[in-house]
Structure formats: C-alpha cells, structure tokens
Amino acid sequence: MAATDFKDYYSTLGVSRSASAEEIKRAFRKLARQYHPDVNPGSEAAEAKFKEISEAYEVLSDPDKRQKYDQFGRYWQQAGGTAGGYAGSPSDFGGFDFSNYGSFDEFINELLGRFGSGFGSPGAGSSRTYTSYRPQGARGSGPASGFGSPGFGYDTGAAGSYDQEAKITLSLSEAFHGSRKRLRIGSEEVEVKIPAGAKAGSKIRLRNRGQMNPYSGERGDIYLVVELLPHNFFELDGDRLTCEVPIAPDEAVLGGQIEVPTPDGSVTMNLPAGIKSGQSLRLRGKGWPDRKGGRGDQLVKVIISPPKQLSDEERQLYAQIQSKRSENPRQSIQSMRL
C-alpha cells in the first residue's frame, strides 16, 4: 500500500491529534447520527462513510490502539514503499523484521487486529463489531446506544475482547416479575430470560453470542445492560422501591388507616397522627426482589394534599378550626434573620 493510502483517522472524525477522548466520542456520535444506514436507507455513500468513521473511532477511542496508530503513522511517513513490499530497513522501525510480511499493509493489519475486510466483523479495524440488535417486532433496526434507540441498541465491547455490550430496555413490571424476550442478533433469533428483580445497570450474559475470535474460532459473549422505563407510580431508587401517596389534611392531623398500592396489590397502612408532608413510611417485604428470592421494603412518601373544592359546610368547619387553632406552625421561625 502506498503512503498516500494512509487513512488519517483524525481527519475522518474532524478532530485534532490532541483531541481528548470525550471530544473524539462527541465527534463520532455526531457523524454516526448523520451517516447511519438507518437514517440513509439505500445510500452506498452514507454506508461507506459510516464504515470510515466507525473504523476511525474504533482506533482512536482505545488508548492503546490510538498510541500505536500515532506511532506507526509516523513510521508510515518514512516508509516510501509500495504494495509489493517495504523498501526500508528493519532498524528504521524499532527493529521489526518486515521480511515476515508480504507487504507493509499486512504488517499494519496484524498490529491493528484487522483480520478481514468486511464491516461488522473483526476485520472492520478492531476486535469489536457494529451490529444492530432489536427485540422481535420492534420498529427500526436498533441504532447504536446513545443514538436514541427505543428499545435495544448495541454498544462496543472492551478493548482487546470479543465480548460485546448491548442495552435492553424493560418496563418496571418486566424487571420486577421477570420475563422472556425474543431478540434478533444479526441473522439469529435468541430467547432471553430476564430474571425477576433486574435493576438499571445490571447485566444479563448471553454466552457465545458475541464476535468470532479469528484465531480460536470461539465466540465471545454479549452482555445486555438493563435500562428501565419510568412508571407512573412506582420508582426504583437504587435498591429501594418508592412511591408517593397523597393524604388529606385531616388524615395528617388525626392519623388513621389508608390503602396503599404495592406490586402485589393494595395493602392497609397505618398513618400516625401528626405526620408531616414528605415523611416516608416503610412497608416491610413489599419492595424489590433480591437475588436470594426475598423482597426489600417499599418506602411510601406521604404528601398532604389540600382539597381544591370545598362544600359550604367544609369551608365553615375549616374556618372554625382556623379561629380556634392554638398552635402557630411558624412560631419557631419568627425571629429568623440573616
């Protein structure tokens, strides 16, 4: 390969050679959104451009590969050879013996792990691959994670690994009860069992579903990283299942019993007299499943909700309470000053 065939990955992404990892990532995402095949169906030019920026990002996003690229880029400028071989001496390149390679291009390909020529395989410039995964029946083809995929999108694996990561989006109900999903990975359909109690950020391992190692012929694994959709009542905060329940002013003053929804249905909860708005009560054993088959607690935050519409009788009674109230709730702050 002639020196003029050298690919300037920095130029491909439109960044300087001193660009930070975050700048490189932002540049790649911007270009990937623009040239992704899903956004440009049928466009060979867009597909080719997407392959170029993907190859550039694969190298520059990995610190070790980027260092090698910078180093061999400088050597490339000194090579001056052709596709038939290298005209220089091994000493010019730190003692490497080029006689073991048919061309300088073969030498670079081996160093960078470029074992093939097809996009979406380890030959695309690294041991990673770009594959779109999506649940069966989902709309779209599952663009890369961070590109706004509605359900299931890829992410790249760790440097030097044939494992991969992909994001899978679950409803809170699916994560709580566990479920089974059929996913399409390339040309394969896979049924995945979601264990009960999956949390945001937890990983589900699919053995031998990742990239093919060209040396051993074995496949890596795919790790599904769980994302949870918001629920209109329950919220999972770390390990705690939480919710907010409105109560009336008289319930806050007098206390009593109220019905509270849980994942298993409504239960009766005791309200202590004089409870404050924003105070949380605990329902033991009604929270999120744990790995041992047990359940955590559900935290119920009570919010005092004044009535928006009062009958004449209610208004008169509230007026009587106001006129006869013996306690000033703002007594302790009357003398506050800066």
Protein backbone atom coordinates (compact mmCIF):
# COMPACT_ATOMS: atom_id res chain seq x y z
CA MET A 1 0.00 0.00 0.00
CA ALA A 2 1.38 3.38 -0.96
CA ALA A 3 1.98 6.03 1.65
CA THR A 4 -0.74 8.11 0.05
CA ASP A 5 -3.24 5.38 1.02
CA PHE A 6 -2.72 6.09 4.72
CA LYS A 7 -6.02 6.88 6.43
CA ASP A 8 -5.97 9.94 8.65
CA TYR A 9 -8.47 8.92 11.31
CA TYR A 10 -8.28 12.31 12.99
CA SER A 11 -9.27 13.98 9.74
CA THR A 12 -12.04 11.41 9.23
CA LEU A 13 -13.63 12.42 12.54
CA GLY A 14 -12.79 16.09 12.09
CA VAL A 15 -10.74 16.40 15.30
CA SER A 16 -7.20 17.46 16.07
CA ARG A 17 -4.48 14.97 17.01
CA SER A 18 -4.56 16.39 20.54
CA ALA A 19 -8.32 15.86 20.90
CA SER A 20 -9.49 14.40 24.20
CA ALA A 21 -11.33 11.08 24.42
CA GLU A 22 -14.59 12.96 25.07
CA GLU A 23 -14.08 15.18 22.01
CA ILE A 24 -13.46 12.11 19.86
CA LYS A 25 -16.58 10.46 21.23
CA ARG A 26 -18.74 13.52 20.57
CA ALA A 27 -17.41 13.85 17.02
CA PHE A 28 -18.10 10.19 16.28
CA ARG A 29 -21.65 10.32 17.64
CA LYS A 30 -22.44 13.42 15.61
CA LEU A 31 -21.18 11.86 12.39
CA ALA A 32 -22.75 8.48 13.16
CA ARG A 33 -26.16 10.08 13.56
CA GLN A 34 -25.68 11.78 10.19
CA TYR A 35 -24.42 8.79 8.20
CA HIS A 36 -26.02 5.80 9.97
CA PRO A 37 -27.53 3.39 7.37
CA ASP A 38 -30.87 3.53 9.19
CA VAL A 39 -31.01 7.27 8.56
CA ASN A 40 -29.84 6.89 4.94
CA PRO A 41 -31.52 3.71 3.65
CA GLY A 42 -30.10 2.53 0.35
CA SER A 43 -27.27 5.08 0.26
CA GLU A 44 -23.97 3.35 -0.51
CA ALA A 45 -22.09 6.61 0.03
CA ALA A 46 -23.55 7.02 3.54
CA GLU A 47 -22.79 3.38 4.35
CA ALA A 48 -19.20 3.77 3.19
CA LYS A 49 -18.81 6.96 5.23
CA PHE A 50 -20.30 5.25 8.29
CA LYS A 51 -17.75 2.47 7.94
CA GLU A 52 -14.93 5.00 7.71
CA ILE A 53 -15.93 6.93 10.83
CA SER A 54 -16.60 3.69 12.70
CA GLU A 55 -13.14 2.38 11.84
CA ALA A 56 -11.60 5.69 12.88
CA TYR A 57 -13.46 5.68 16.19
CA GLU A 58 -12.55 2.08 16.92
CA VAL A 59 -8.87 3.02 16.83
CA LEU A 60 -8.93 6.48 18.39
CA SER A 61 -11.34 5.59 21.21
CA ASP A 62 -8.96 2.96 22.54
CA PRO A 63 -5.91 4.48 24.31
CA ASP A 64 -3.61 1.59 23.40
CA LYS A 65 -4.69 1.43 19.75
CA ARG A 66 -4.50 5.21 19.47
CA GLN A 67 -0.93 5.20 20.78
CA LYS A 68 0.05 2.52 18.25
CA TYR A 69 -1.71 4.39 15.48
CA ASP A 70 0.15 7.59 16.29
CA GLN A 71 3.44 5.72 16.40
CA PHE A 72 3.02 3.79 13.16
CA GLY A 73 1.57 6.82 11.46
CA ARG A 74 4.95 8.50 11.85
CA TYR A 75 6.72 5.38 10.54
CA TRP A 76 4.36 5.35 7.60
CA GLN A 77 5.59 8.77 6.53
CA GLN A 78 9.14 7.36 6.39
CA ALA A 79 8.23 4.10 4.60
CA GLY A 80 8.20 5.24 0.99
CA GLY A 81 7.38 1.69 -0.14
CA THR A 82 4.74 0.20 -2.42
CA ALA A 83 2.21 -2.57 -2.15
CA GLY A 84 4.91 -5.04 -3.20
CA GLY A 85 6.89 -4.61 -0.03
CA TYR A 86 8.83 -2.18 2.13
CA ALA A 87 11.95 -0.57 0.78
CA GLY A 88 13.49 0.49 4.10
CA SER A 89 15.42 -1.42 6.72
CA PRO A 90 14.09 -3.00 9.96
CA SER A 91 16.20 -0.64 12.04
CA ASP A 92 14.13 2.30 10.79
CA PHE A 93 11.16 0.87 12.64
CA GLY A 94 12.46 -0.11 16.02
CA GLY A 95 13.86 -3.49 14.95
CA PHE A 96 10.75 -5.01 13.33
CA ASP A 97 11.57 -7.53 10.60
CA PHE A 98 9.31 -6.86 7.64
CA SER A 99 10.52 -9.95 5.79
CA ASN A 100 7.81 -11.92 7.61
CA TYR A 101 5.10 -9.94 5.80
CA GLY A 102 4.10 -9.83 2.15
CA SER A 103 3.59 -6.08 2.35
CA PHE A 104 3.69 -3.17 4.75
CA ASP A 105 -0.13 -3.26 4.71
CA GLU A 106 -0.12 -6.82 6.08
CA PHE A 107 2.15 -5.71 8.90
CA ILE A 108 -0.18 -2.84 9.85
CA ASN A 109 -3.25 -5.09 9.55
CA GLU A 110 -1.84 -7.59 12.00
CA LEU A 111 -0.83 -4.95 14.52
CA LEU A 112 -4.23 -3.30 14.44
CA GLY A 113 -6.10 -6.59 14.55
CA ARG A 114 -7.66 -6.13 11.11
CA PHE A 115 -8.29 -9.76 10.22
CA GLY A 116 -10.75 -9.26 7.37
CA SER A 117 -12.22 -6.65 5.12
CA GLY A 118 -15.94 -6.66 5.85
CA PHE A 119 -17.72 -4.13 8.01
CA GLY A 120 -19.45 -5.65 11.01
CA SER A 121 -16.69 -8.21 11.56
CA PRO A 122 -13.32 -8.16 13.37
CA GLY A 123 -11.92 -7.01 10.02
CA ALA A 124 -13.53 -3.60 10.46
CA GLY A 125 -10.49 -2.27 12.26
CA SER A 126 -10.57 -3.92 15.69
CA SER A 127 -11.86 -6.81 17.74
CA ARG A 128 -15.19 -5.07 18.12
CA THR A 129 -18.16 -5.15 15.81
CA TYR A 130 -21.05 -2.87 14.93
CA THR A 131 -24.23 -4.91 14.96
CA SER A 132 -27.75 -3.63 15.48
CA TYR A 133 -29.82 -5.66 17.91
CA ARG A 134 -33.53 -5.21 18.50
CA PRO A 135 -36.45 -7.09 20.03
CA GLN A 136 -38.52 -9.08 17.58
CA GLY A 137 -41.22 -6.83 16.17
CA ALA A 138 -39.58 -3.60 17.33
CA ARG A 139 -39.55 -0.68 14.95
CA GLY A 140 -36.26 0.41 13.41
CA SER A 141 -33.07 -1.56 13.39
CA GLY A 142 -31.73 -0.57 16.77
CA PRO A 143 -29.12 2.16 16.25
CA ALA A 144 -26.09 2.42 18.49
CA SER A 145 -26.63 3.10 22.17
CA GLY A 146 -26.73 6.83 22.79
CA PHE A 147 -28.37 7.38 19.39
CA GLY A 148 -31.90 7.30 20.81
CA SER A 149 -32.78 3.63 20.29
CA PRO A 150 -36.33 2.96 21.55
CA GLY A 151 -35.57 -0.46 22.93
CA PHE A 152 -32.40 -2.40 22.29
CA GLY A 153 -29.15 -0.92 20.96
CA TYR A 154 -25.57 -2.03 20.66
CA ASP A 155 -22.51 -0.74 22.40
CA THR A 156 -18.92 -1.73 21.79
CA GLY A 157 -17.06 -4.25 23.89
CA ALA A 158 -13.93 -3.81 25.94
CA ALA A 159 -10.64 -3.25 24.13
CA GLY A 160 -9.00 -6.49 23.07
CA SER A 161 -12.12 -8.50 23.90
CA TYR A 162 -14.54 -10.37 21.67
CA ASP A 163 -17.33 -9.73 24.16
CA GLN A 164 -19.90 -7.05 23.46
CA GLU A 165 -22.42 -4.99 25.37
CA ALA A 166 -25.93 -4.03 24.31
CA LYS A 167 -28.66 -2.08 26.06
CA ILE A 168 -32.06 -3.67 26.62
CA THR A 169 -34.98 -1.56 27.81
CA LEU A 170 -37.53 -3.09 30.19
CA SER A 171 -40.72 -1.86 31.78
CA LEU A 172 -40.71 -1.82 35.57
CA SER A 173 -43.20 -4.69 35.53
CA GLU A 174 -40.96 -6.83 33.28
CA ALA A 175 -37.97 -6.16 35.52
CA PHE A 176 -39.93 -6.85 38.72
CA HIS A 177 -41.63 -10.09 37.68
CA GLY A 178 -39.02 -11.30 35.20
CA SER A 179 -39.88 -12.07 31.60
CA ARG A 180 -38.75 -13.68 28.38
CA LYS A 181 -37.87 -11.70 25.28
CA ARG A 182 -37.03 -12.82 21.76
CA LEU A 183 -34.20 -10.75 20.33
CA ARG A 184 -32.74 -10.70 16.86
CA ILE A 185 -28.94 -10.64 16.82
CA GLY A 186 -27.76 -10.40 13.23
CA SER A 187 -29.47 -13.30 11.47
CA GLU A 188 -30.15 -15.18 14.70
CA GLU A 189 -33.16 -15.12 16.99
CA VAL A 190 -32.44 -15.61 20.66
CA GLU A 191 -34.82 -16.06 23.57
CA VAL A 192 -33.54 -14.25 26.65
CA LYS A 193 -34.74 -14.92 30.17
CA ILE A 194 -34.94 -11.75 32.25
CA PRO A 195 -34.60 -12.69 35.94
CA ALA A 196 -37.02 -11.20 38.43
CA GLY A 197 -35.54 -8.17 40.17
CA ALA A 198 -33.36 -6.86 37.34
CA LYS A 199 -32.17 -3.32 38.05
CA ALA A 200 -30.94 -0.45 35.90
CA GLY A 201 -27.31 -1.10 35.05
CA SER A 202 -27.42 -4.82 35.83
CA LYS A 203 -26.09 -7.15 33.11
CA ILE A 204 -27.53 -10.30 31.58
CA ARG A 205 -24.98 -12.57 29.94
CA LEU A 206 -25.60 -14.32 26.61
CA ARG A 207 -22.85 -16.89 26.27
CA ASN A 208 -21.20 -17.47 22.89
CA ARG A 209 -23.30 -14.84 21.10
CA GLY A 210 -20.59 -12.24 20.59
CA GLN A 211 -17.91 -11.81 17.94
CA MET A 212 -15.93 -14.66 16.46
CA ASN A 213 -12.30 -14.85 17.51
CA PRO A 214 -10.46 -15.38 14.21
CA TYR A 215 -7.62 -17.21 15.94
CA SER A 216 -9.53 -19.70 18.12
CA GLY A 217 -12.82 -19.80 16.21
CA GLU A 218 -14.67 -19.28 19.51
CA ARG A 219 -17.29 -16.59 20.04
CA GLY A 220 -17.34 -14.05 22.82
CA ASP A 221 -20.33 -13.20 24.98
CA ILE A 222 -22.93 -10.46 24.78
CA TYR A 223 -23.82 -8.61 27.97
CA LEU A 224 -27.25 -6.99 28.00
CA VAL A 225 -27.20 -3.84 30.15
CA VAL A 226 -30.64 -3.18 31.62
CA GLU A 227 -32.39 0.17 31.25
CA LEU A 228 -35.74 0.73 32.98
CA LEU A 229 -38.65 2.73 31.66
CA PRO A 230 -40.29 5.10 34.16
CA HIS A 231 -43.54 4.03 35.87
CA ASN A 232 -46.39 6.40 36.64
CA PHE A 233 -46.47 5.45 40.34
CA PHE A 234 -43.55 3.28 41.45
CA GLU A 235 -39.89 4.28 41.23
CA LEU A 236 -36.80 2.16 41.82
CA ASP A 237 -34.20 4.25 43.63
CA GLY A 238 -31.12 2.06 43.86
CA ASP A 239 -32.34 -0.97 45.81
CA ARG A 240 -35.43 0.76 47.18
CA LEU A 241 -38.89 0.74 45.66
CA THR A 242 -40.53 4.08 46.41
CA CYS A 243 -43.84 5.81 45.78
CA GLU A 244 -45.75 8.94 46.79
CA VAL A 245 -49.23 8.79 48.30
CA PRO A 246 -51.46 11.86 48.83
CA ILE A 247 -53.30 12.25 52.11
CA ALA A 248 -55.95 14.76 53.27
CA PRO A 249 -55.17 17.37 55.94
CA ASP A 250 -57.47 15.69 58.46
CA GLU A 251 -55.71 12.35 57.89
CA ALA A 252 -52.39 14.04 58.60
CA VAL A 253 -53.74 15.57 61.82
CA LEU A 254 -55.74 12.65 63.16
CA GLY A 255 -53.90 9.71 61.65
CA GLY A 256 -55.72 6.56 60.66
CA GLN A 257 -55.51 3.84 58.04
CA ILE A 258 -55.16 4.26 54.29
CA GLU A 259 -54.92 1.89 51.30
CA VAL A 260 -51.55 1.92 49.52
CA PRO A 261 -50.72 0.18 46.20
CA THR A 262 -47.84 -2.32 46.19
CA PRO A 263 -46.53 -4.53 43.35
CA ASP A 264 -48.77 -7.29 44.73
CA GLY A 265 -51.91 -5.16 45.19
CA SER A 266 -53.21 -2.73 47.78
CA VAL A 267 -52.44 -3.09 51.48
CA THR A 268 -53.63 -1.19 54.55
CA MET A 269 -51.05 1.15 56.08
CA ASN A 270 -51.29 2.91 59.43
CA LEU A 271 -50.82 6.68 59.42
CA PRO A 272 -49.51 8.12 62.68
CA ALA A 273 -51.29 11.27 63.93
CA GLY A 274 -49.41 14.47 63.10
CA ILE A 275 -47.42 13.06 60.17
CA LYS A 276 -45.66 15.70 58.09
CA SER A 277 -45.82 16.11 54.34
CA GLY A 278 -42.80 14.44 52.75
CA GLN A 279 -42.30 11.96 55.58
CA SER A 280 -41.75 8.35 54.48
CA LEU A 281 -43.22 5.19 55.97
CA ARG A 282 -41.95 1.66 55.39
CA LEU A 283 -43.88 -1.36 54.14
CA ARG A 284 -41.65 -4.28 55.01
CA GLY A 285 -41.25 -7.05 52.46
CA LYS A 286 -43.22 -5.22 49.77
CA GLY A 287 -40.28 -3.86 47.80
CA TRP A 288 -37.95 -5.08 45.04
CA PRO A 289 -36.95 -8.78 44.71
CA ASP A 290 -33.38 -9.67 45.70
CA ARG A 291 -31.07 -12.40 44.42
CA LYS A 292 -31.86 -14.69 47.34
CA GLY A 293 -35.56 -14.79 46.50
CA GLY A 294 -36.58 -12.34 49.19
CA ARG A 295 -38.07 -8.88 48.97
CA GLY A 296 -36.86 -5.50 50.11
CA ASP A 297 -39.05 -2.80 51.63
CA GLN A 298 -41.31 -0.31 49.92
CA LEU A 299 -40.96 3.30 51.05
CA VAL A 300 -44.14 5.38 50.97
CA LYS A 301 -43.73 9.15 50.98
CA VAL A 302 -46.91 10.89 52.13
CA ILE A 303 -47.83 14.23 50.58
CA ILE A 304 -50.52 16.35 52.26
CA SER A 305 -52.96 17.34 49.54
CA PRO A 306 -55.40 20.15 50.47
CA PRO A 307 -58.83 19.85 48.82
CA LYS A 308 -59.23 22.03 45.72
CA GLN A 309 -63.00 22.29 46.05
CA LEU A 310 -64.83 22.72 49.35
CA SER A 311 -68.51 22.49 50.13
CA ASP A 312 -70.01 25.32 52.17
CA GLU A 313 -70.09 23.10 55.23
CA GLU A 314 -66.45 22.08 54.82
CA ARG A 315 -65.41 25.69 54.42
CA GLN A 316 -67.27 26.67 57.62
CA LEU A 317 -65.64 23.83 59.54
CA TYR A 318 -62.17 24.77 58.32
CA ALA A 319 -62.89 28.37 59.31
CA GLN A 320 -63.85 27.21 62.80
CA ILE A 321 -60.64 25.21 63.08
CA GLN A 322 -58.67 28.23 61.95
CA SER A 323 -60.28 30.51 64.51
CA LYS A 324 -59.76 28.05 67.35
CA ARG A 325 -56.28 26.85 66.40
CA SER A 326 -53.97 27.04 69.41
CA GLU A 327 -50.67 26.38 67.66
CA ASN A 328 -48.75 28.62 65.28
CA PRO A 329 -46.72 26.36 62.94
CA ARG A 330 -44.34 29.26 62.16
CA GLN A 331 -43.59 30.19 65.77
CA SER A 332 -40.05 28.81 65.62
CA ILE A 333 -39.03 30.92 62.60
CA GLN A 334 -40.45 34.32 63.59
CA SER A 335 -37.12 35.59 64.86
CA MET A 336 -35.06 34.34 61.92
CA ARG A 337 -32.64 36.91 60.47
CA LEU A 338 -29.51 36.99 58.35
